[in-house]
Amino acid sequence: LDPTVAPSTGTPVPGGLTLEEGIHIVRTVAATGKLAVMDLVEVNPKLGSPADQELTLKSACKLVNAWLSTSERKVAPAK
């Protein structure tokens, strides 16, 4: 994601995806029913100001929520 929506990361990518683009990608892939797991990396709440940290965590939560709120999401039963 672009640092304007996720500044607290060890690998900022200026000109990266907007949050809306990231959410669209997650929802599109999740709608196929083939998104089984999601690995959210490079979120580092120890970097940046408190405002940067909060913005990054909120963006990360929105991406995870985009997947979890997709009705096509299939969850394997617990063993």
PDB file of N, CA and C in Angstrom:
ATOM      1  N   LEU A   1       0.832  -1.190   0.000  1.00  0.00           N
ATOM      2  CA  LEU A   1       0.000   0.000   0.000  1.00  0.00           C
ATOM      3  C   LEU A   1       0.874   1.251   0.000  1.00  0.00           C
ATOM      4  N   ASP A   2       0.337   2.314  -0.535  1.00  0.00           N
ATOM      5  CA  ASP A   2       1.014   3.596  -0.536  1.00  0.00           C
ATOM      6  C   ASP A   2       1.199   4.088   0.901  1.00  0.00           C
ATOM      7  N   PRO A   3       2.311   4.758   1.202  1.00  0.00           N
ATOM      8  CA  PRO A   3       2.537   5.269   2.554  1.00  0.00           C
ATOM      9  C   PRO A   3       1.491   6.277   3.039  1.00  0.00           C
ATOM     10  N   THR A   4       0.699   6.823   2.139  1.00  0.00           N
ATOM     11  CA  THR A   4      -0.353   7.737   2.595  1.00  0.00           C
ATOM     12  C   THR A   4      -1.456   7.001   3.345  1.00  0.00           C
ATOM     13  N   VAL A   5      -1.536   5.672   3.168  1.00  0.00           N
ATOM     14  CA  VAL A   5      -2.544   4.876   3.883  1.00  0.00           C
ATOM     15  C   VAL A   5      -1.926   3.827   4.792  1.00  0.00           C
ATOM     16  N   ALA A   6      -0.603   3.604   4.659  1.00  0.00           N
ATOM     17  CA  ALA A   6       0.090   2.633   5.513  1.00  0.00           C
ATOM     18  C   ALA A   6       1.537   3.084   5.724  1.00  0.00           C
ATOM     19  N   PRO A   7       1.734   4.141   6.504  1.00  0.00           N
ATOM     20  CA  PRO A   7       3.087   4.663   6.686  1.00  0.00           C
ATOM     21  C   PRO A   7       3.971   3.846   7.632  1.00  0.00           C
ATOM     22  N   SER A   8       3.395   3.093   8.543  1.00  0.00           N
ATOM     23  CA  SER A   8       4.190   2.349   9.527  1.00  0.00           C
ATOM     24  C   SER A   8       4.568   0.975   8.988  1.00  0.00           C
ATOM     25  N   THR A   9       5.538   0.988   8.083  1.00  0.00           N
ATOM     26  CA  THR A   9       6.030  -0.238   7.461  1.00  0.00           C
ATOM     27  C   THR A   9       7.523  -0.107   7.217  1.00  0.00           C
ATOM     28  N   GLY A  10       8.209  -1.226   7.203  1.00  0.00           N
ATOM     29  CA  GLY A  10       9.633  -1.215   6.912  1.00  0.00           C
ATOM     30  C   GLY A  10       9.928  -1.097   5.430  1.00  0.00           C
ATOM     31  N   THR A  11       8.908  -1.248   4.596  1.00  0.00           N
ATOM     32  CA  THR A  11       9.090  -1.187   3.139  1.00  0.00           C
ATOM     33  C   THR A  11       8.043  -0.273   2.500  1.00  0.00           C
ATOM     34  N   PRO A  12       8.144   1.038   2.744  1.00  0.00           N
ATOM     35  CA  PRO A  12       7.177   1.946   2.123  1.00  0.00           C
ATOM     36  C   PRO A  12       7.323   1.935   0.599  1.00  0.00           C
ATOM     37  N   VAL A  13       6.195   2.003  -0.089  1.00  0.00           N
ATOM     38  CA  VAL A  13       6.188   1.980  -1.556  1.00  0.00           C
ATOM     39  C   VAL A  13       5.432   3.211  -2.056  1.00  0.00           C
ATOM     40  N   PRO A  14       6.143   4.343  -2.226  1.00  0.00           N
ATOM     41  CA  PRO A  14       5.475   5.525  -2.769  1.00  0.00           C
ATOM     42  C   PRO A  14       4.852   5.200  -4.126  1.00  0.00           C
ATOM     43  N   GLY A  15       3.618   5.615  -4.301  1.00  0.00           N
ATOM     44  CA  GLY A  15       2.901   5.298  -5.534  1.00  0.00           C
ATOM     45  C   GLY A  15       2.297   3.906  -5.507  1.00  0.00           C
ATOM     46  N   GLY A  16       2.290   3.285  -4.318  1.00  0.00           N
ATOM     47  CA  GLY A  16       1.709   1.950  -4.172  1.00  0.00           C
ATOM     48  C   GLY A  16       0.194   1.987  -4.259  1.00  0.00           C
ATOM     49  N   LEU A  17      -0.413   0.852  -4.012  1.00  0.00           N
ATOM     50  CA  LEU A  17      -1.872   0.750  -4.085  1.00  0.00           C
ATOM     51  C   LEU A  17      -2.553   1.702  -3.110  1.00  0.00           C
ATOM     52  N   THR A  18      -3.688   2.220  -3.523  1.00  0.00           N
ATOM     53  CA  THR A  18      -4.533   2.947  -2.583  1.00  0.00           C
ATOM     54  C   THR A  18      -5.255   1.909  -1.728  1.00  0.00           C
ATOM     55  N   LEU A  19      -5.821   2.340  -0.629  1.00  0.00           N
ATOM     56  CA  LEU A  19      -6.573   1.411   0.207  1.00  0.00           C
ATOM     57  C   LEU A  19      -7.758   0.851  -0.568  1.00  0.00           C
ATOM     58  N   GLU A  20      -8.420   1.686  -1.352  1.00  0.00           N
ATOM     59  CA  GLU A  20      -9.564   1.235  -2.139  1.00  0.00           C
ATOM     60  C   GLU A  20      -9.154   0.164  -3.152  1.00  0.00           C
ATOM     61  N   GLU A  21      -7.990   0.336  -3.777  1.00  0.00           N
ATOM     62  CA  GLU A  21      -7.501  -0.680  -4.718  1.00  0.00           C
ATOM     63  C   GLU A  21      -7.206  -1.990  -3.993  1.00  0.00           C
ATOM     64  N   GLY A  22      -6.587  -1.897  -2.821  1.00  0.00           N
ATOM     65  CA  GLY A  22      -6.295  -3.092  -2.038  1.00  0.00           C
ATOM     66  C   GLY A  22      -7.555  -3.828  -1.635  1.00  0.00           C
ATOM     67  N   ILE A  23      -8.553  -3.082  -1.184  1.00  0.00           N
ATOM     68  CA  ILE A  23      -9.829  -3.688  -0.792  1.00  0.00           C
ATOM     69  C   ILE A  23     -10.499  -4.338  -1.998  1.00  0.00           C
ATOM     70  N   HIS A  24     -10.457  -3.673  -3.138  1.00  0.00           N
ATOM     71  CA  HIS A  24     -11.050  -4.238  -4.358  1.00  0.00           C
ATOM     72  C   HIS A  24     -10.380  -5.563  -4.724  1.00  0.00           C
ATOM     73  N   ILE A  25      -9.068  -5.612  -4.645  1.00  0.00           N
ATOM     74  CA  ILE A  25      -8.340  -6.846  -4.962  1.00  0.00           C
ATOM     75  C   ILE A  25      -8.735  -7.957  -3.999  1.00  0.00           C
ATOM     76  N   VAL A  26      -8.751  -7.660  -2.706  1.00  0.00           N
ATOM     77  CA  VAL A  26      -9.115  -8.674  -1.707  1.00  0.00           C
ATOM     78  C   VAL A  26     -10.526  -9.189  -1.961  1.00  0.00           C
ATOM     79  N   ARG A  27     -11.472  -8.289  -2.183  1.00  0.00           N
ATOM     80  CA  ARG A  27     -12.860  -8.713  -2.414  1.00  0.00           C
ATOM     81  C   ARG A  27     -13.003  -9.518  -3.702  1.00  0.00           C
ATOM     82  N   THR A  28     -12.291  -9.106  -4.743  1.00  0.00           N
ATOM     83  CA  THR A  28     -12.369  -9.812  -6.022  1.00  0.00           C
ATOM     84  C   THR A  28     -11.838 -11.233  -5.893  1.00  0.00           C
ATOM     85  N   VAL A  29     -10.694 -11.379  -5.246  1.00  0.00           N
ATOM     86  CA  VAL A  29     -10.123 -12.718  -5.065  1.00  0.00           C
ATOM     87  C   VAL A  29     -10.995 -13.531  -4.115  1.00  0.00           C
ATOM     88  N   ALA A  30     -11.458 -12.922  -3.032  1.00  0.00           N
ATOM     89  CA  ALA A  30     -12.304 -13.637  -2.067  1.00  0.00           C
ATOM     90  C   ALA A  30     -13.598 -14.118  -2.716  1.00  0.00           C
ATOM     91  N   ALA A  31     -14.125 -13.351  -3.647  1.00  0.00           N
ATOM     92  CA  ALA A  31     -15.381 -13.725  -4.302  1.00  0.00           C
ATOM     93  C   ALA A  31     -15.251 -14.997  -5.136  1.00  0.00           C
ATOM     94  N   THR A  32     -14.032 -15.373  -5.483  1.00  0.00           N
ATOM     95  CA  THR A  32     -13.834 -16.615  -6.236  1.00  0.00           C
ATOM     96  C   THR A  32     -13.977 -17.838  -5.340  1.00  0.00           C
ATOM     97  N   GLY A  33     -13.941 -17.624  -4.033  1.00  0.00           N
ATOM     98  CA  GLY A  33     -13.997 -18.736  -3.091  1.00  0.00           C
ATOM     99  C   GLY A  33     -12.661 -19.441  -2.935  1.00  0.00           C
ATOM    100  N   LYS A  34     -11.624 -18.890  -3.536  1.00  0.00           N
ATOM    101  CA  LYS A  34     -10.307 -19.531  -3.498  1.00  0.00           C
ATOM    102  C   LYS A  34      -9.338 -18.873  -2.520  1.00  0.00           C
ATOM    103  N   LEU A  35      -9.782 -17.857  -1.827  1.00  0.00           N
ATOM    104  CA  LEU A  35      -8.918 -17.210  -0.839  1.00  0.00           C
ATOM    105  C   LEU A  35      -9.115 -17.927   0.487  1.00  0.00           C
ATOM    106  N   ALA A  36      -8.159 -18.779   0.828  1.00  0.00           N
ATOM    107  CA  ALA A  36      -8.284 -19.603   2.032  1.00  0.00           C
ATOM    108  C   ALA A  36      -7.566 -18.994   3.225  1.00  0.00           C
ATOM    109  N   VAL A  37      -6.462 -18.324   2.976  1.00  0.00           N
ATOM    110  CA  VAL A  37      -5.699 -17.695   4.050  1.00  0.00           C
ATOM    111  C   VAL A  37      -5.237 -16.324   3.583  1.00  0.00           C
ATOM    112  N   MET A  38      -4.896 -15.495   4.550  1.00  0.00           N
ATOM    113  CA  MET A  38      -4.424 -14.160   4.221  1.00  0.00           C
ATOM    114  C   MET A  38      -3.253 -13.840   5.132  1.00  0.00           C
ATOM    115  N   ASP A  39      -2.125 -13.489   4.543  1.00  0.00           N
ATOM    116  CA  ASP A  39      -0.920 -13.157   5.288  1.00  0.00           C
ATOM    117  C   ASP A  39      -0.687 -11.660   5.155  1.00  0.00           C
ATOM    118  N   LEU A  40      -0.833 -10.956   6.229  1.00  0.00           N
ATOM    119  CA  LEU A  40      -0.655  -9.506   6.221  1.00  0.00           C
ATOM    120  C   LEU A  40       0.737  -9.212   6.762  1.00  0.00           C
ATOM    121  N   VAL A  41       1.622  -8.715   5.912  1.00  0.00           N
ATOM    122  CA  VAL A  41       3.013  -8.509   6.305  1.00  0.00           C
ATOM    123  C   VAL A  41       3.419  -7.045   6.196  1.00  0.00           C
ATOM    124  N   GLU A  42       4.532  -6.745   6.814  1.00  0.00           N
ATOM    125  CA  GLU A  42       5.139  -5.420   6.802  1.00  0.00           C
ATOM    126  C   GLU A  42       4.326  -4.357   7.532  1.00  0.00           C
ATOM    127  N   VAL A  43       3.428  -4.760   8.394  1.00  0.00           N
ATOM    128  CA  VAL A  43       2.773  -3.808   9.292  1.00  0.00           C
ATOM    129  C   VAL A  43       3.645  -3.752  10.534  1.00  0.00           C
ATOM    130  N   ASN A  44       4.226  -2.593  10.808  1.00  0.00           N
ATOM    131  CA  ASN A  44       5.109  -2.459  11.961  1.00  0.00           C
ATOM    132  C   ASN A  44       4.646  -1.295  12.824  1.00  0.00           C
ATOM    133  N   PRO A  45       3.833  -1.571  13.836  1.00  0.00           N
ATOM    134  CA  PRO A  45       3.303  -0.499  14.672  1.00  0.00           C
ATOM    135  C   PRO A  45       4.360   0.188  15.533  1.00  0.00           C
ATOM    136  N   LYS A  46       5.617  -0.248  15.456  1.00  0.00           N
ATOM    137  CA  LYS A  46       6.686   0.426  16.193  1.00  0.00           C
ATOM    138  C   LYS A  46       7.319   1.546  15.375  1.00  0.00           C
ATOM    139  N   LEU A  47       6.948   1.650  14.096  1.00  0.00           N
ATOM    140  CA  LEU A  47       7.502   2.683  13.229  1.00  0.00           C
ATOM    141  C   LEU A  47       6.522   3.837  13.073  1.00  0.00           C
ATOM    142  N   GLY A  48       7.060   5.034  13.007  1.00  0.00           N
ATOM    143  CA  GLY A  48       6.236   6.204  12.752  1.00  0.00           C
ATOM    144  C   GLY A  48       5.625   6.794  14.003  1.00  0.00           C
ATOM    145  N   SER A  49       4.895   7.858  13.788  1.00  0.00           N
ATOM    146  CA  SER A  49       4.216   8.555  14.886  1.00  0.00           C
ATOM    147  C   SER A  49       2.996   7.750  15.322  1.00  0.00           C
ATOM    148  N   PRO A  50       2.423   8.084  16.477  1.00  0.00           N
ATOM    149  CA  PRO A  50       1.184   7.410  16.873  1.00  0.00           C
ATOM    150  C   PRO A  50       0.089   7.519  15.805  1.00  0.00           C
ATOM    151  N   ALA A  51       0.008   8.662  15.132  1.00  0.00           N
ATOM    152  CA  ALA A  51      -1.001   8.823  14.072  1.00  0.00           C
ATOM    153  C   ALA A  51      -0.692   7.898  12.894  1.00  0.00           C
ATOM    154  N   ASP A  52       0.600   7.771  12.534  1.00  0.00           N
ATOM    155  CA  ASP A  52       1.000   6.854  11.457  1.00  0.00           C
ATOM    156  C   ASP A  52       0.653   5.418  11.820  1.00  0.00           C
ATOM    157  N   GLN A  53       0.948   5.048  13.057  1.00  0.00           N
ATOM    158  CA  GLN A  53       0.678   3.694  13.528  1.00  0.00           C
ATOM    159  C   GLN A  53      -0.812   3.386  13.462  1.00  0.00           C
ATOM    160  N   GLU A  54      -1.617   4.325  13.930  1.00  0.00           N
ATOM    161  CA  GLU A  54      -3.069   4.119  13.916  1.00  0.00           C
ATOM    162  C   GLU A  54      -3.598   3.997  12.490  1.00  0.00           C
ATOM    163  N   LEU A  55      -3.121   4.852  11.589  1.00  0.00           N
ATOM    164  CA  LEU A  55      -3.565   4.808  10.194  1.00  0.00           C
ATOM    165  C   LEU A  55      -3.198   3.472   9.550  1.00  0.00           C
ATOM    166  N   THR A  56      -1.983   3.009   9.791  1.00  0.00           N
ATOM    167  CA  THR A  56      -1.540   1.736   9.225  1.00  0.00           C
ATOM    168  C   THR A  56      -2.376   0.581   9.749  1.00  0.00           C
ATOM    169  N   LEU A  57      -2.605   0.553  11.051  1.00  0.00           N
ATOM    170  CA  LEU A  57      -3.395  -0.531  11.637  1.00  0.00           C
ATOM    171  C   LEU A  57      -4.841  -0.495  11.152  1.00  0.00           C
ATOM    172  N   LYS A  58      -5.406   0.694  11.006  1.00  0.00           N
ATOM    173  CA  LYS A  58      -6.777   0.797  10.486  1.00  0.00           C
ATOM    174  C   LYS A  58      -6.846   0.291   9.043  1.00  0.00           C
ATOM    175  N   SER A  59      -5.846   0.630   8.243  1.00  0.00           N
ATOM    176  CA  SER A  59      -5.820   0.154   6.855  1.00  0.00           C
ATOM    177  C   SER A  59      -5.713  -1.364   6.817  1.00  0.00           C
ATOM    178  N   ALA A  60      -4.845  -1.918   7.659  1.00  0.00           N
ATOM    179  CA  ALA A  60      -4.692  -3.374   7.720  1.00  0.00           C
ATOM    180  C   ALA A  60      -6.004  -4.032   8.134  1.00  0.00           C
ATOM    181  N   CYS A  61      -6.660  -3.470   9.131  1.00  0.00           N
ATOM    182  CA  CYS A  61      -7.944  -4.024   9.587  1.00  0.00           C
ATOM    183  C   CYS A  61      -8.993  -3.967   8.486  1.00  0.00           C
ATOM    184  N   LYS A  62      -8.992  -2.899   7.709  1.00  0.00           N
ATOM    185  CA  LYS A  62      -9.962  -2.784   6.619  1.00  0.00           C
ATOM    186  C   LYS A  62      -9.721  -3.847   5.547  1.00  0.00           C
ATOM    187  N   LEU A  63      -8.463  -4.171   5.282  1.00  0.00           N
ATOM    188  CA  LEU A  63      -8.168  -5.225   4.306  1.00  0.00           C
ATOM    189  C   LEU A  63      -8.640  -6.584   4.811  1.00  0.00           C
ATOM    190  N   VAL A  64      -8.353  -6.879   6.073  1.00  0.00           N
ATOM    191  CA  VAL A  64      -8.793  -8.158   6.642  1.00  0.00           C
ATOM    192  C   VAL A  64     -10.315  -8.214   6.680  1.00  0.00           C
ATOM    193  N   ASN A  65     -10.951  -7.120   7.071  1.00  0.00           N
ATOM    194  CA  ASN A  65     -12.411  -7.075   7.124  1.00  0.00           C
ATOM    195  C   ASN A  65     -13.027  -7.259   5.736  1.00  0.00           C
ATOM    196  N   ALA A  66     -12.368  -6.736   4.706  1.00  0.00           N
ATOM    197  CA  ALA A  66     -12.875  -6.910   3.334  1.00  0.00           C
ATOM    198  C   ALA A  66     -12.961  -8.391   2.991  1.00  0.00           C
ATOM    199  N   TRP A  67     -11.999  -9.173   3.454  1.00  0.00           N
ATOM    200  CA  TRP A  67     -12.034 -10.616   3.212  1.00  0.00           C
ATOM    201  C   TRP A  67     -13.089 -11.275   4.087  1.00  0.00           C
ATOM    202  N   LEU A  68     -13.067 -10.973   5.377  1.00  0.00           N
ATOM    203  CA  LEU A  68     -13.982 -11.642   6.301  1.00  0.00           C
ATOM    204  C   LEU A  68     -15.445 -11.325   6.017  1.00  0.00           C
ATOM    205  N   SER A  69     -15.709 -10.172   5.424  1.00  0.00           N
ATOM    206  CA  SER A  69     -17.096  -9.787   5.159  1.00  0.00           C
ATOM    207  C   SER A  69     -17.591 -10.259   3.794  1.00  0.00           C
ATOM    208  N   THR A  70     -16.745 -10.956   3.047  1.00  0.00           N
ATOM    209  CA  THR A  70     -17.148 -11.468   1.740  1.00  0.00           C
ATOM    210  C   THR A  70     -18.005 -12.704   1.941  1.00  0.00           C
ATOM    211  N   SER A  71     -19.213 -12.673   1.434  1.00  0.00           N
ATOM    212  CA  SER A  71     -20.157 -13.767   1.676  1.00  0.00           C
ATOM    213  C   SER A  71     -19.704 -15.081   1.055  1.00  0.00           C
ATOM    214  N   GLU A  72     -18.859 -15.025   0.021  1.00  0.00           N
ATOM    215  CA  GLU A  72     -18.406 -16.241  -0.634  1.00  0.00           C
ATOM    216  C   GLU A  72     -17.282 -16.929   0.134  1.00  0.00           C
ATOM    217  N   ARG A  73     -16.822 -16.298   1.196  1.00  0.00           N
ATOM    218  CA  ARG A  73     -15.719 -16.857   1.979  1.00  0.00           C
ATOM    219  C   ARG A  73     -16.107 -18.224   2.501  1.00  0.00           C
ATOM    220  N   LYS A  74     -15.223 -19.169   2.321  1.00  0.00           N
ATOM    221  CA  LYS A  74     -15.465 -20.531   2.791  1.00  0.00           C
ATOM    222  C   LYS A  74     -14.458 -20.838   3.887  1.00  0.00           C
ATOM    223  N   VAL A  75     -14.939 -21.336   4.993  1.00  0.00           N
ATOM    224  CA  VAL A  75     -14.070 -21.656   6.116  1.00  0.00           C
ATOM    225  C   VAL A  75     -14.100 -23.153   6.330  1.00  0.00           C
ATOM    226  N   ALA A  76     -12.932 -23.744   6.396  1.00  0.00           N
ATOM    227  CA  ALA A  76     -12.858 -25.187   6.644  1.00  0.00           C
ATOM    228  C   ALA A  76     -13.298 -25.462   8.072  1.00  0.00           C
ATOM    229  N   PRO A  77     -14.034 -26.542   8.279  1.00  0.00           N
ATOM    230  CA  PRO A  77     -14.476 -26.869   9.638  1.00  0.00           C
ATOM    231  C   PRO A  77     -13.278 -27.193  10.519  1.00  0.00           C
ATOM    232  N   ALA A  78     -13.386 -26.851  11.783  1.00  0.00           N
ATOM    233  CA  ALA A  78     -12.316 -27.143  12.742  1.00  0.00           C
ATOM    234  C   ALA A  78     -12.191 -28.641  12.926  1.00  0.00           C
ATOM    235  N   LYS A  79     -10.976 -29.100  13.094  1.00  0.00           N
ATOM    236  CA  LYS A  79     -10.737 -30.542  13.282  1.00  0.00           C
ATOM    237  C   LYS A  79     -10.569 -30.860  14.743  1.00  0.00           C
TER     238      LYS A  79
END
